[in-house]
Amino acid sequence: MGRGKIEIKKIENPTNRQVTYSKRRSGIMKKAKELTVLCDAQVSLIMFSSTGKFSEYCSPGSDTKAIFDRYQQATGINLWSAQYEKMQNTLKHLKEINHNLRKEIRQRTGEELDGMDIEELRGLEQNLDEAIKLVRHRKYHVISTQTDTYKKKLKHSQEAHRSLLRDLDMKDEHPVYGFVDEDPSNYEGALALANGGSHVYAFRVQPSQPNLHGMGCGPHDLRLA
């Protein structure tokens, strides 16, 4: 029995339609290749499925643009004129936008104001006022951020200063440790140490047990630079 004749109409089932397209696409691609080899023909084939998938075949030794150029010469139809005109219109529109923006910038700097009427001048004034408000708001935000940063740095420095002062006060709370400046009369040295100075100091450690004195364990000097 022979294969039944298929009615040529749109296949409603999406799955069956995609399967049929895939099979017949492979078949027409094969026929295009055979036609190129058997008949030395230049073939260009472009297909788009219902889902937008693109497929293309072009004879070896040629390209699609060259075949399109031959098509234009043979039919007298310019395939690129509409696209070229569209690109020209787009370019013209962009040039107008660029011209208007440059003109607005010059007017905001006080140039080219002679041809403007009272309404245009009022509109320009309002635009400048809005721009000034935005700039001022940004400036205050930057100042506030910098102020908060400096306050944090100042607080950190004050905490470090208080910590150093507490370390110096340990000599009063712990009599085991004695703070001895190499120059006893140099009161500025103590202040320099409290403020992160580089003065040289000696810390003398005295044993807290009286029995250790008889064992030859004398005081030990520690120097802090």
N, C-alpha and C. Protein backbone atom coordinates (compact mmCIF):
# COMPACT_ATOMS: atom_id res chain seq x y z
N MET A 1 0.84 -1.20 0.00
CA MET A 1 0.00 0.00 0.00
C MET A 1 0.88 1.26 0.00
N GLY A 2 0.47 2.24 -0.77
CA GLY A 2 1.23 3.47 -0.83
C GLY A 2 0.90 4.40 0.33
N ARG A 3 1.77 5.35 0.52
CA ARG A 3 1.55 6.31 1.60
C ARG A 3 0.42 7.26 1.22
N GLY A 4 -0.45 7.55 2.19
CA GLY A 4 -1.59 8.41 1.93
C GLY A 4 -1.16 9.85 1.68
N LYS A 5 -1.93 10.55 0.91
CA LYS A 5 -1.63 11.93 0.59
C LYS A 5 -1.97 12.83 1.79
N ILE A 6 -1.03 13.70 2.11
CA ILE A 6 -1.19 14.59 3.26
C ILE A 6 -1.83 15.89 2.79
N GLU A 7 -2.86 16.31 3.49
CA GLU A 7 -3.50 17.57 3.15
C GLU A 7 -2.61 18.74 3.56
N ILE A 8 -2.39 19.65 2.65
CA ILE A 8 -1.51 20.79 2.92
C ILE A 8 -2.32 21.88 3.61
N LYS A 9 -2.16 21.94 4.89
CA LYS A 9 -2.76 22.99 5.71
C LYS A 9 -1.96 23.09 7.00
N LYS A 10 -2.22 24.13 7.72
CA LYS A 10 -1.46 24.35 8.95
C LYS A 10 -1.74 23.24 9.96
N ILE A 11 -0.67 22.74 10.54
CA ILE A 11 -0.79 21.71 11.58
C ILE A 11 -1.10 22.41 12.89
N GLU A 12 -2.22 22.09 13.49
CA GLU A 12 -2.67 22.80 14.68
C GLU A 12 -1.90 22.38 15.93
N ASN A 13 -1.55 21.12 16.02
CA ASN A 13 -0.82 20.66 17.20
C ASN A 13 0.61 21.20 17.17
N PRO A 14 1.02 21.95 18.19
CA PRO A 14 2.36 22.56 18.19
C PRO A 14 3.48 21.53 18.12
N THR A 15 3.35 20.43 18.82
CA THR A 15 4.41 19.42 18.84
C THR A 15 4.56 18.78 17.46
N ASN A 16 3.43 18.39 16.88
CA ASN A 16 3.48 17.79 15.54
C ASN A 16 4.00 18.79 14.50
N ARG A 17 3.63 20.05 14.68
CA ARG A 17 4.09 21.06 13.74
C ARG A 17 5.61 21.24 13.81
N GLN A 18 6.16 21.21 15.01
CA GLN A 18 7.60 21.38 15.17
C GLN A 18 8.35 20.17 14.63
N VAL A 19 7.81 18.97 14.85
CA VAL A 19 8.45 17.75 14.35
C VAL A 19 8.44 17.75 12.82
N THR A 20 7.33 18.13 12.23
CA THR A 20 7.24 18.17 10.76
C THR A 20 8.20 19.21 10.18
N TYR A 21 8.29 20.36 10.85
CA TYR A 21 9.21 21.40 10.38
C TYR A 21 10.65 20.91 10.42
N SER A 22 11.04 20.25 11.51
CA SER A 22 12.40 19.76 11.64
C SER A 22 12.75 18.75 10.55
N LYS A 23 11.82 17.83 10.28
CA LYS A 23 12.08 16.81 9.25
C LYS A 23 12.17 17.44 7.86
N ARG A 24 11.23 18.30 7.53
CA ARG A 24 11.21 18.88 6.19
C ARG A 24 12.35 19.91 6.00
N ARG A 25 12.74 20.54 7.08
CA ARG A 25 13.90 21.45 6.98
C ARG A 25 15.15 20.67 6.60
N SER A 26 15.35 19.53 7.23
CA SER A 26 16.51 18.70 6.88
C SER A 26 16.42 18.25 5.43
N GLY A 27 15.22 17.93 4.97
CA GLY A 27 15.06 17.49 3.59
C GLY A 27 15.34 18.59 2.59
N ILE A 28 14.85 19.80 2.85
CA ILE A 28 15.08 20.90 1.90
C ILE A 28 16.53 21.35 1.92
N MET A 29 17.19 21.26 3.06
CA MET A 29 18.62 21.56 3.14
C MET A 29 19.40 20.56 2.29
N LYS A 30 19.03 19.29 2.37
CA LYS A 30 19.69 18.25 1.59
C LYS A 30 19.50 18.49 0.10
N LYS A 31 18.29 18.88 -0.31
CA LYS A 31 18.01 19.16 -1.71
C LYS A 31 18.82 20.37 -2.20
N ALA A 32 18.94 21.39 -1.36
CA ALA A 32 19.72 22.57 -1.74
C ALA A 32 21.19 22.22 -1.96
N LYS A 33 21.75 21.37 -1.10
CA LYS A 33 23.15 20.95 -1.26
C LYS A 33 23.31 20.12 -2.54
N GLU A 34 22.37 19.23 -2.80
CA GLU A 34 22.45 18.41 -4.01
C GLU A 34 22.34 19.28 -5.25
N LEU A 35 21.47 20.27 -5.23
CA LEU A 35 21.32 21.17 -6.37
C LEU A 35 22.59 21.97 -6.62
N THR A 36 23.27 22.35 -5.54
CA THR A 36 24.53 23.08 -5.69
C THR A 36 25.61 22.21 -6.34
N VAL A 37 25.69 20.95 -5.92
CA VAL A 37 26.73 20.07 -6.43
C VAL A 37 26.41 19.58 -7.85
N LEU A 38 25.17 19.13 -8.06
CA LEU A 38 24.81 18.55 -9.36
C LEU A 38 24.75 19.58 -10.48
N CYS A 39 24.24 20.76 -10.18
CA CYS A 39 23.98 21.74 -11.23
C CYS A 39 24.90 22.95 -11.17
N ASP A 40 25.87 22.95 -10.24
CA ASP A 40 26.78 24.09 -10.08
C ASP A 40 26.00 25.40 -9.92
N ALA A 41 24.95 25.33 -9.11
CA ALA A 41 24.10 26.50 -8.89
C ALA A 41 24.49 27.20 -7.59
N GLN A 42 24.17 28.49 -7.53
CA GLN A 42 24.36 29.26 -6.30
C GLN A 42 23.01 29.35 -5.59
N VAL A 43 22.98 28.76 -4.43
CA VAL A 43 21.73 28.65 -3.68
C VAL A 43 21.89 29.32 -2.32
N SER A 44 20.92 30.12 -1.97
CA SER A 44 20.87 30.72 -0.63
C SER A 44 19.49 30.42 -0.05
N LEU A 45 19.48 29.85 1.12
CA LEU A 45 18.24 29.43 1.74
C LEU A 45 18.18 29.95 3.17
N ILE A 46 17.12 30.65 3.51
CA ILE A 46 16.93 31.21 4.85
C ILE A 46 15.56 30.78 5.34
N MET A 47 15.51 30.27 6.58
CA MET A 47 14.25 29.81 7.15
C MET A 47 14.13 30.26 8.60
N PHE A 48 12.90 30.59 8.99
CA PHE A 48 12.57 30.90 10.38
C PHE A 48 11.38 30.03 10.78
N SER A 49 11.52 29.31 11.87
CA SER A 49 10.42 28.49 12.35
C SER A 49 9.38 29.36 13.04
N SER A 50 8.27 28.74 13.41
CA SER A 50 7.21 29.49 14.10
C SER A 50 7.66 29.96 15.49
N THR A 51 8.70 29.33 16.02
CA THR A 51 9.24 29.75 17.32
C THR A 51 10.37 30.76 17.17
N GLY A 52 10.70 31.13 15.92
CA GLY A 52 11.74 32.12 15.68
C GLY A 52 13.13 31.55 15.51
N LYS A 53 13.27 30.24 15.44
CA LYS A 53 14.58 29.63 15.26
C LYS A 53 15.06 29.84 13.83
N PHE A 54 16.31 30.27 13.69
CA PHE A 54 16.87 30.65 12.38
C PHE A 54 17.72 29.51 11.81
N SER A 55 17.53 29.26 10.52
CA SER A 55 18.34 28.26 9.81
C SER A 55 18.75 28.86 8.47
N GLU A 56 19.95 28.54 8.02
CA GLU A 56 20.46 29.14 6.79
C GLU A 56 21.36 28.15 6.05
N TYR A 57 21.32 28.23 4.73
CA TYR A 57 22.26 27.49 3.89
C TYR A 57 22.67 28.39 2.73
N CYS A 58 23.97 28.34 2.42
CA CYS A 58 24.49 29.12 1.30
C CYS A 58 25.52 28.26 0.58
N SER A 59 25.51 28.33 -0.74
CA SER A 59 26.42 27.51 -1.54
C SER A 59 27.87 27.83 -1.19
N PRO A 60 28.74 26.83 -1.13
CA PRO A 60 30.16 27.06 -0.86
C PRO A 60 30.76 27.98 -1.92
N GLY A 61 31.67 28.85 -1.51
CA GLY A 61 32.30 29.79 -2.43
C GLY A 61 31.50 31.05 -2.65
N SER A 62 30.38 31.19 -1.95
CA SER A 62 29.55 32.38 -2.07
C SER A 62 29.08 32.79 -0.69
N ASP A 63 28.33 33.87 -0.62
CA ASP A 63 27.74 34.29 0.65
C ASP A 63 26.37 34.89 0.38
N THR A 64 25.60 35.03 1.43
CA THR A 64 24.22 35.49 1.28
C THR A 64 24.14 36.90 0.72
N LYS A 65 25.04 37.78 1.14
CA LYS A 65 24.99 39.16 0.65
C LYS A 65 25.26 39.22 -0.85
N ALA A 66 26.24 38.44 -1.33
CA ALA A 66 26.53 38.44 -2.76
C ALA A 66 25.33 37.95 -3.57
N ILE A 67 24.64 36.94 -3.07
CA ILE A 67 23.46 36.44 -3.77
C ILE A 67 22.34 37.48 -3.75
N PHE A 68 22.21 38.19 -2.62
CA PHE A 68 21.19 39.24 -2.54
C PHE A 68 21.51 40.37 -3.52
N ASP A 69 22.81 40.70 -3.67
CA ASP A 69 23.19 41.74 -4.63
C ASP A 69 22.82 41.32 -6.06
N ARG A 70 23.05 40.05 -6.39
CA ARG A 70 22.66 39.55 -7.72
C ARG A 70 21.14 39.58 -7.89
N TYR A 71 20.44 39.31 -6.80
CA TYR A 71 18.97 39.36 -6.84
C TYR A 71 18.49 40.78 -7.13
N GLN A 72 19.14 41.77 -6.50
CA GLN A 72 18.75 43.16 -6.74
C GLN A 72 19.01 43.56 -8.20
N GLN A 73 20.15 43.12 -8.74
CA GLN A 73 20.46 43.44 -10.13
C GLN A 73 19.48 42.78 -11.10
N ALA A 74 19.07 41.56 -10.77
CA ALA A 74 18.18 40.83 -11.68
C ALA A 74 16.74 41.35 -11.63
N THR A 75 16.29 41.78 -10.45
CA THR A 75 14.90 42.20 -10.30
C THR A 75 14.72 43.71 -10.30
N GLY A 76 15.82 44.44 -10.09
CA GLY A 76 15.71 45.90 -10.00
C GLY A 76 15.10 46.38 -8.70
N ILE A 77 15.04 45.52 -7.72
CA ILE A 77 14.49 45.87 -6.40
C ILE A 77 15.65 46.17 -5.45
N ASN A 78 15.59 47.32 -4.81
CA ASN A 78 16.62 47.69 -3.84
C ASN A 78 16.19 47.20 -2.46
N LEU A 79 16.88 46.18 -1.99
CA LEU A 79 16.52 45.60 -0.70
C LEU A 79 16.96 46.46 0.47
N TRP A 80 17.93 47.34 0.25
CA TRP A 80 18.52 48.09 1.36
C TRP A 80 18.01 49.53 1.45
N SER A 81 17.24 49.99 0.48
CA SER A 81 16.81 51.40 0.48
C SER A 81 15.96 51.72 1.70
N ALA A 82 15.02 50.84 2.05
CA ALA A 82 14.16 51.10 3.20
C ALA A 82 14.97 51.15 4.49
N GLN A 83 15.91 50.20 4.62
CA GLN A 83 16.75 50.18 5.81
C GLN A 83 17.64 51.40 5.86
N TYR A 84 18.19 51.81 4.71
CA TYR A 84 19.06 52.99 4.66
C TYR A 84 18.27 54.24 5.02
N GLU A 85 17.05 54.35 4.51
CA GLU A 85 16.23 55.52 4.83
C GLU A 85 15.89 55.57 6.32
N LYS A 86 15.63 54.41 6.90
CA LYS A 86 15.34 54.34 8.33
C LYS A 86 16.56 54.78 9.15
N MET A 87 17.73 54.33 8.75
CA MET A 87 18.96 54.72 9.45
C MET A 87 19.21 56.22 9.32
N GLN A 88 18.93 56.79 8.14
CA GLN A 88 19.10 58.22 7.94
C GLN A 88 18.16 59.02 8.84
N ASN A 89 16.92 58.57 8.95
CA ASN A 89 15.96 59.25 9.83
C ASN A 89 16.40 59.18 11.29
N THR A 90 16.90 58.02 11.69
CA THR A 90 17.39 57.87 13.07
C THR A 90 18.57 58.79 13.33
N LEU A 91 19.49 58.87 12.37
CA LEU A 91 20.65 59.75 12.52
C LEU A 91 20.22 61.21 12.61
N LYS A 92 19.27 61.61 11.78
CA LYS A 92 18.77 62.99 11.81
C LYS A 92 18.14 63.32 13.15
N HIS A 93 17.36 62.38 13.69
CA HIS A 93 16.71 62.58 14.98
C HIS A 93 17.74 62.72 16.10
N LEU A 94 18.78 61.90 16.07
CA LEU A 94 19.83 61.97 17.10
C LEU A 94 20.61 63.28 17.00
N LYS A 95 20.81 63.77 15.78
CA LYS A 95 21.50 65.05 15.61
C LYS A 95 20.67 66.19 16.19
N GLU A 96 19.36 66.15 16.00
CA GLU A 96 18.49 67.18 16.56
C GLU A 96 18.53 67.16 18.09
N ILE A 97 18.51 65.96 18.66
CA ILE A 97 18.59 65.85 20.13
C ILE A 97 19.91 66.40 20.64
N ASN A 98 21.00 66.07 19.97
CA ASN A 98 22.31 66.55 20.36
C ASN A 98 22.39 68.08 20.26
N HIS A 99 21.82 68.63 19.18
CA HIS A 99 21.83 70.09 19.00
C HIS A 99 21.05 70.79 20.12
N ASN A 100 19.88 70.24 20.46
CA ASN A 100 19.06 70.85 21.51
C ASN A 100 19.74 70.76 22.87
N LEU A 101 20.40 69.65 23.15
CA LEU A 101 21.10 69.51 24.43
C LEU A 101 22.26 70.48 24.54
N ARG A 102 23.01 70.64 23.46
CA ARG A 102 24.13 71.59 23.48
C ARG A 102 23.62 73.02 23.65
N LYS A 103 22.51 73.32 22.99
CA LYS A 103 21.93 74.66 23.12
C LYS A 103 21.47 74.92 24.55
N GLU A 104 20.86 73.92 25.17
CA GLU A 104 20.41 74.06 26.56
C GLU A 104 21.59 74.26 27.50
N ILE A 105 22.68 73.55 27.25
CA ILE A 105 23.88 73.72 28.09
C ILE A 105 24.42 75.13 27.96
N ARG A 106 24.47 75.65 26.73
CA ARG A 106 24.97 77.02 26.55
C ARG A 106 24.06 78.04 27.21
N GLN A 107 22.75 77.83 27.14
CA GLN A 107 21.83 78.76 27.78
C GLN A 107 21.95 78.72 29.29
N ARG A 108 22.23 77.55 29.85
CA ARG A 108 22.40 77.45 31.30
C ARG A 108 23.68 78.14 31.78
N THR A 109 24.62 78.35 30.87
CA THR A 109 25.83 79.10 31.22
C THR A 109 25.72 80.57 30.85
N GLY A 110 24.52 81.00 30.45
CA GLY A 110 24.29 82.42 30.15
C GLY A 110 24.52 82.81 28.72
N GLU A 111 24.64 81.87 27.80
CA GLU A 111 24.87 82.18 26.39
C GLU A 111 23.58 81.99 25.59
N GLU A 112 23.53 82.65 24.43
CA GLU A 112 22.42 82.52 23.48
C GLU A 112 21.07 82.77 24.15
N LEU A 113 20.97 83.87 24.89
CA LEU A 113 19.73 84.22 25.55
C LEU A 113 18.94 85.29 24.79
N ASP A 114 19.53 85.88 23.76
CA ASP A 114 18.89 87.01 23.07
C ASP A 114 17.59 86.60 22.39
N GLY A 115 17.53 85.41 21.83
CA GLY A 115 16.34 85.01 21.08
C GLY A 115 15.23 84.41 21.93
N MET A 116 15.36 84.40 23.24
CA MET A 116 14.37 83.78 24.12
C MET A 116 13.35 84.81 24.60
N ASP A 117 12.07 84.41 24.63
CA ASP A 117 11.03 85.30 25.13
C ASP A 117 10.90 85.15 26.65
N ILE A 118 9.93 85.86 27.23
CA ILE A 118 9.81 85.89 28.68
C ILE A 118 9.46 84.52 29.25
N GLU A 119 8.60 83.75 28.55
CA GLU A 119 8.22 82.44 29.05
C GLU A 119 9.40 81.47 29.02
N GLU A 120 10.17 81.54 27.96
CA GLU A 120 11.35 80.66 27.87
C GLU A 120 12.37 81.01 28.94
N LEU A 121 12.52 82.31 29.22
CA LEU A 121 13.46 82.73 30.26
C LEU A 121 12.99 82.28 31.64
N ARG A 122 11.69 82.36 31.87
CA ARG A 122 11.16 81.88 33.15
C ARG A 122 11.37 80.37 33.30
N GLY A 123 11.12 79.64 32.21
CA GLY A 123 11.36 78.20 32.27
C GLY A 123 12.81 77.86 32.54
N LEU A 124 13.72 78.62 31.91
CA LEU A 124 15.15 78.40 32.14
C LEU A 124 15.51 78.72 33.58
N GLU A 125 14.92 79.78 34.13
CA GLU A 125 15.19 80.14 35.53
C GLU A 125 14.73 79.04 36.48
N GLN A 126 13.55 78.49 36.22
CA GLN A 126 13.05 77.40 37.07
C GLN A 126 13.96 76.18 36.99
N ASN A 127 14.42 75.87 35.79
CA ASN A 127 15.33 74.73 35.64
C ASN A 127 16.63 74.95 36.42
N LEU A 128 17.13 76.17 36.37
CA LEU A 128 18.37 76.48 37.10
C LEU A 128 18.14 76.38 38.61
N ASP A 129 16.96 76.85 39.08
CA ASP A 129 16.66 76.75 40.51
C ASP A 129 16.61 75.30 40.96
N GLU A 130 15.97 74.44 40.16
CA GLU A 130 15.92 73.03 40.50
C GLU A 130 17.31 72.40 40.51
N ALA A 131 18.13 72.80 39.53
CA ALA A 131 19.49 72.27 39.48
C ALA A 131 20.30 72.70 40.71
N ILE A 132 20.12 73.97 41.13
CA ILE A 132 20.83 74.47 42.31
C ILE A 132 20.40 73.70 43.56
N LYS A 133 19.09 73.41 43.68
CA LYS A 133 18.61 72.65 44.83
C LYS A 133 19.25 71.26 44.88
N LEU A 134 19.35 70.61 43.73
CA LEU A 134 19.94 69.28 43.69
C LEU A 134 21.42 69.32 44.07
N VAL A 135 22.12 70.33 43.56
CA VAL A 135 23.55 70.46 43.88
C VAL A 135 23.74 70.76 45.36
N ARG A 136 22.90 71.66 45.90
CA ARG A 136 23.02 72.00 47.32
C ARG A 136 22.72 70.78 48.20
N HIS A 137 21.70 70.01 47.82
CA HIS A 137 21.36 68.81 48.59
C HIS A 137 22.52 67.82 48.58
N ARG A 138 23.14 67.66 47.43
CA ARG A 138 24.28 66.75 47.34
C ARG A 138 25.45 67.26 48.16
N LYS A 139 25.67 68.57 48.14
CA LYS A 139 26.78 69.15 48.91
C LYS A 139 26.58 68.91 50.41
N TYR A 140 25.35 69.16 50.92
CA TYR A 140 25.08 68.96 52.34
C TYR A 140 25.22 67.48 52.73
N HIS A 141 24.85 66.60 51.82
CA HIS A 141 24.98 65.17 52.10
C HIS A 141 26.47 64.79 52.24
N VAL A 142 27.30 65.32 51.34
CA VAL A 142 28.74 65.03 51.43
C VAL A 142 29.33 65.60 52.71
N ILE A 143 28.94 66.84 53.07
CA ILE A 143 29.45 67.46 54.29
C ILE A 143 29.03 66.65 55.52
N SER A 144 27.77 66.21 55.55
CA SER A 144 27.28 65.42 56.68
C SER A 144 28.03 64.11 56.81
N THR A 145 28.29 63.46 55.67
CA THR A 145 29.02 62.20 55.70
C THR A 145 30.44 62.39 56.21
N GLN A 146 31.12 63.43 55.73
CA GLN A 146 32.48 63.70 56.18
C GLN A 146 32.51 64.06 57.66
N THR A 147 31.50 64.82 58.13
CA THR A 147 31.46 65.20 59.55
C THR A 147 31.30 63.96 60.43
N ASP A 148 30.42 63.06 60.05
CA ASP A 148 30.24 61.82 60.82
C ASP A 148 31.53 61.01 60.86
N THR A 149 32.25 60.97 59.74
CA THR A 149 33.51 60.23 59.71
C THR A 149 34.53 60.84 60.65
N TYR A 150 34.65 62.17 60.64
CA TYR A 150 35.61 62.84 61.51
C TYR A 150 35.22 62.68 62.98
N LYS A 151 33.92 62.66 63.29
CA LYS A 151 33.49 62.45 64.67
C LYS A 151 33.89 61.06 65.16
N LYS A 152 33.74 60.06 64.29
CA LYS A 152 34.14 58.70 64.66
C LYS A 152 35.64 58.62 64.91
N LYS A 153 36.43 59.28 64.03
CA LYS A 153 37.88 59.28 64.23
C LYS A 153 38.26 59.97 65.54
N LEU A 154 37.58 61.10 65.84
CA LEU A 154 37.87 61.82 67.08
C LEU A 154 37.50 60.97 68.29
N LYS A 155 36.36 60.29 68.24
CA LYS A 155 35.96 59.43 69.35
C LYS A 155 36.96 58.30 69.55
N HIS A 156 37.45 57.72 68.47
CA HIS A 156 38.43 56.65 68.58
C HIS A 156 39.73 57.17 69.21
N SER A 157 40.14 58.37 68.80
CA SER A 157 41.37 58.95 69.36
C SER A 157 41.19 59.24 70.85
N GLN A 158 40.03 59.73 71.24
CA GLN A 158 39.79 60.01 72.66
C GLN A 158 39.79 58.72 73.49
N GLU A 159 39.21 57.66 72.94
CA GLU A 159 39.22 56.39 73.66
C GLU A 159 40.64 55.85 73.81
N ALA A 160 41.46 56.00 72.76
CA ALA A 160 42.85 55.56 72.86
C ALA A 160 43.61 56.37 73.89
N HIS A 161 43.31 57.68 73.97
CA HIS A 161 43.97 58.55 74.94
C HIS A 161 43.59 58.16 76.36
N ARG A 162 42.30 57.91 76.60
CA ARG A 162 41.86 57.49 77.93
C ARG A 162 42.47 56.14 78.31
N SER A 163 42.62 55.24 77.33
CA SER A 163 43.23 53.95 77.62
C SER A 163 44.67 54.10 78.06
N LEU A 164 45.41 55.01 77.41
CA LEU A 164 46.79 55.25 77.82
C LEU A 164 46.87 55.85 79.22
N LEU A 165 45.94 56.75 79.52
CA LEU A 165 45.94 57.34 80.87
C LEU A 165 45.63 56.29 81.92
N ARG A 166 44.73 55.34 81.64
CA ARG A 166 44.44 54.27 82.60
C ARG A 166 45.67 53.39 82.82
N ASP A 167 46.43 53.14 81.73
CA ASP A 167 47.65 52.35 81.89
C ASP A 167 48.66 53.04 82.78
N LEU A 168 48.73 54.38 82.68
CA LEU A 168 49.66 55.11 83.55
C LEU A 168 49.20 55.11 85.00
N ASP A 169 47.88 55.08 85.19
CA ASP A 169 47.37 55.07 86.56
C ASP A 169 47.52 53.72 87.24
N MET A 170 47.92 52.68 86.48
CA MET A 170 48.07 51.34 87.08
C MET A 170 49.16 51.32 88.14
N LYS A 171 50.10 52.23 88.06
CA LYS A 171 51.22 52.25 89.04
C LYS A 171 50.71 52.60 90.43
N ASP A 172 49.57 53.32 90.49
CA ASP A 172 49.00 53.64 91.80
C ASP A 172 48.16 52.49 92.35
N GLU A 173 47.55 51.73 91.43
CA GLU A 173 46.69 50.64 91.87
C GLU A 173 47.48 49.37 92.16
N HIS A 174 48.67 49.19 91.52
CA HIS A 174 49.49 47.98 91.71
C HIS A 174 50.88 48.42 92.14
N PRO A 175 51.16 48.42 93.44
CA PRO A 175 52.48 48.87 93.93
C PRO A 175 53.62 47.95 93.53
N VAL A 176 53.33 46.75 93.00
CA VAL A 176 54.41 45.84 92.58
C VAL A 176 55.23 46.48 91.48
N TYR A 177 54.55 47.24 90.60
CA TYR A 177 55.22 47.86 89.47
C TYR A 177 55.52 49.30 89.79
N GLY A 178 56.74 49.69 89.56
CA GLY A 178 57.15 51.07 89.80
C GLY A 178 57.51 51.74 88.50
N PHE A 179 56.99 52.92 88.28
CA PHE A 179 57.29 53.69 87.07
C PHE A 179 58.41 54.67 87.40
N VAL A 180 59.52 54.53 86.68
CA VAL A 180 60.69 55.37 86.94
C VAL A 180 61.11 56.02 85.65
N ASP A 181 61.09 57.31 85.56
CA ASP A 181 61.63 58.03 84.40
C ASP A 181 63.13 58.17 84.62
N GLU A 182 63.90 58.07 83.55
CA GLU A 182 65.34 58.19 83.68
C GLU A 182 65.71 59.57 84.22
N ASP A 183 64.84 60.54 83.99
CA ASP A 183 65.01 61.86 84.56
C ASP A 183 63.82 62.10 85.47
N PRO A 184 63.96 61.92 86.78
CA PRO A 184 62.80 62.03 87.68
C PRO A 184 62.11 63.36 87.59
N SER A 185 62.83 64.39 87.23
CA SER A 185 62.21 65.72 87.18
C SER A 185 61.52 65.99 85.86
N ASN A 186 61.58 65.02 84.94
CA ASN A 186 61.01 65.23 83.60
C ASN A 186 59.54 64.86 83.62
N TYR A 187 58.70 65.82 83.98
CA TYR A 187 57.25 65.58 84.00
C TYR A 187 56.68 65.53 82.59
N GLU A 188 57.33 66.22 81.65
CA GLU A 188 56.84 66.22 80.27
C GLU A 188 56.94 64.86 79.64
N GLY A 189 57.89 64.04 80.10
CA GLY A 189 58.02 62.70 79.55
C GLY A 189 56.78 61.85 79.80
N ALA A 190 56.21 61.99 81.03
CA ALA A 190 55.00 61.23 81.33
C ALA A 190 53.85 61.66 80.44
N LEU A 191 53.77 62.97 80.21
CA LEU A 191 52.71 63.45 79.32
C LEU A 191 52.94 62.98 77.90
N ALA A 192 54.21 62.91 77.49
CA ALA A 192 54.50 62.45 76.13
C ALA A 192 54.09 61.00 75.95
N LEU A 193 54.30 60.18 76.97
CA LEU A 193 53.90 58.78 76.87
C LEU A 193 52.38 58.66 76.81
N ALA A 194 51.70 59.48 77.59
CA ALA A 194 50.23 59.44 77.59
C ALA A 194 49.66 59.83 76.25
N ASN A 195 50.38 60.68 75.53
CA ASN A 195 49.91 61.14 74.22
C ASN A 195 50.59 60.42 73.07
N GLY A 196 51.13 59.26 73.29
CA GLY A 196 51.71 58.47 72.21
C GLY A 196 53.10 58.91 71.84
N GLY A 197 53.87 59.54 72.76
CA GLY A 197 55.21 60.02 72.45
C GLY A 197 56.22 58.89 72.39
N SER A 198 57.43 59.23 72.01
CA SER A 198 58.50 58.24 71.85
C SER A 198 59.55 58.35 72.93
N HIS A 199 59.22 58.96 74.08
CA HIS A 199 60.19 59.11 75.15
C HIS A 199 60.55 57.75 75.75
N VAL A 200 61.75 57.61 76.26
CA VAL A 200 62.23 56.34 76.81
C VAL A 200 61.98 56.34 78.32
N TYR A 201 61.36 55.26 78.82
CA TYR A 201 61.05 55.13 80.24
C TYR A 201 61.57 53.79 80.75
N ALA A 202 61.75 53.73 82.04
CA ALA A 202 62.19 52.48 82.68
C ALA A 202 61.12 52.05 83.67
N PHE A 203 60.73 50.79 83.61
CA PHE A 203 59.80 50.19 84.56
C PHE A 203 60.61 49.22 85.44
N ARG A 204 60.57 49.44 86.74
CA ARG A 204 61.34 48.60 87.68
C ARG A 204 60.37 47.68 88.40
N VAL A 205 60.64 46.39 88.30
CA VAL A 205 59.79 45.37 88.91
C VAL A 205 60.43 44.95 90.23
N GLN A 206 59.70 45.16 91.32
CA GLN A 206 60.18 44.76 92.65
C GLN A 206 59.47 43.47 93.06
N PRO A 207 60.21 42.48 93.55
CA PRO A 207 59.54 41.25 94.03
C PRO A 207 58.63 41.58 95.20
N SER A 208 57.45 40.98 95.16
CA SER A 208 56.47 41.26 96.22
C SER A 208 56.70 40.39 97.46
N GLN A 209 57.53 39.34 97.34
CA GLN A 209 57.80 38.47 98.49
C GLN A 209 59.12 38.89 99.15
N PRO A 210 59.11 39.22 100.44
CA PRO A 210 60.37 39.63 101.11
C PRO A 210 61.43 38.55 101.08
N ASN A 211 61.09 37.26 101.08
CA ASN A 211 62.09 36.19 101.11
C ASN A 211 62.93 36.15 99.85
N LEU A 212 62.38 36.70 98.76
CA LEU A 212 63.12 36.65 97.50
C LEU A 212 64.30 37.60 97.50
N HIS A 213 64.30 38.58 98.39
CA HIS A 213 65.42 39.52 98.45
C HIS A 213 66.68 38.82 98.89
N GLY A 214 66.53 37.84 99.76
CA GLY A 214 67.70 37.16 100.25
C GLY A 214 68.25 36.13 99.30
N MET A 215 67.51 35.82 98.26
CA MET A 215 67.93 34.81 97.28
C MET A 215 68.64 35.43 96.10
N GLY A 216 68.95 36.66 96.19
CA GLY A 216 69.68 37.30 95.09
C GLY A 216 68.79 37.76 93.97
N CYS A 217 67.54 37.80 94.23
CA CYS A 217 66.61 38.26 93.19
C CYS A 217 66.39 39.74 93.38
N GLY A 218 67.13 40.51 92.71
CA GLY A 218 67.03 41.96 92.84
C GLY A 218 66.02 42.51 91.86
N PRO A 219 65.89 43.80 91.89
CA PRO A 219 64.95 44.44 90.97
C PRO A 219 65.43 44.33 89.54
N HIS A 220 64.52 44.30 88.62
CA HIS A 220 64.82 44.21 87.19
C HIS A 220 64.26 45.43 86.49
N ASP A 221 65.06 45.99 85.60
CA ASP A 221 64.65 47.19 84.86
C ASP A 221 64.14 46.80 83.49
N LEU A 222 63.01 47.33 83.18
CA LEU A 222 62.45 47.18 81.84
C LEU A 222 62.34 48.55 81.21
N ARG A 223 62.78 48.67 79.98
CA ARG A 223 62.75 49.96 79.31
C ARG A 223 61.72 49.92 78.20
N LEU A 224 60.97 50.99 78.17
CA LEU A 224 59.92 51.15 77.15
C LEU A 224 60.25 52.35 76.29
N ALA A 225 60.37 52.13 74.99
CA ALA A 225 60.68 53.24 74.07
C ALA A 225 59.39 53.74 73.46
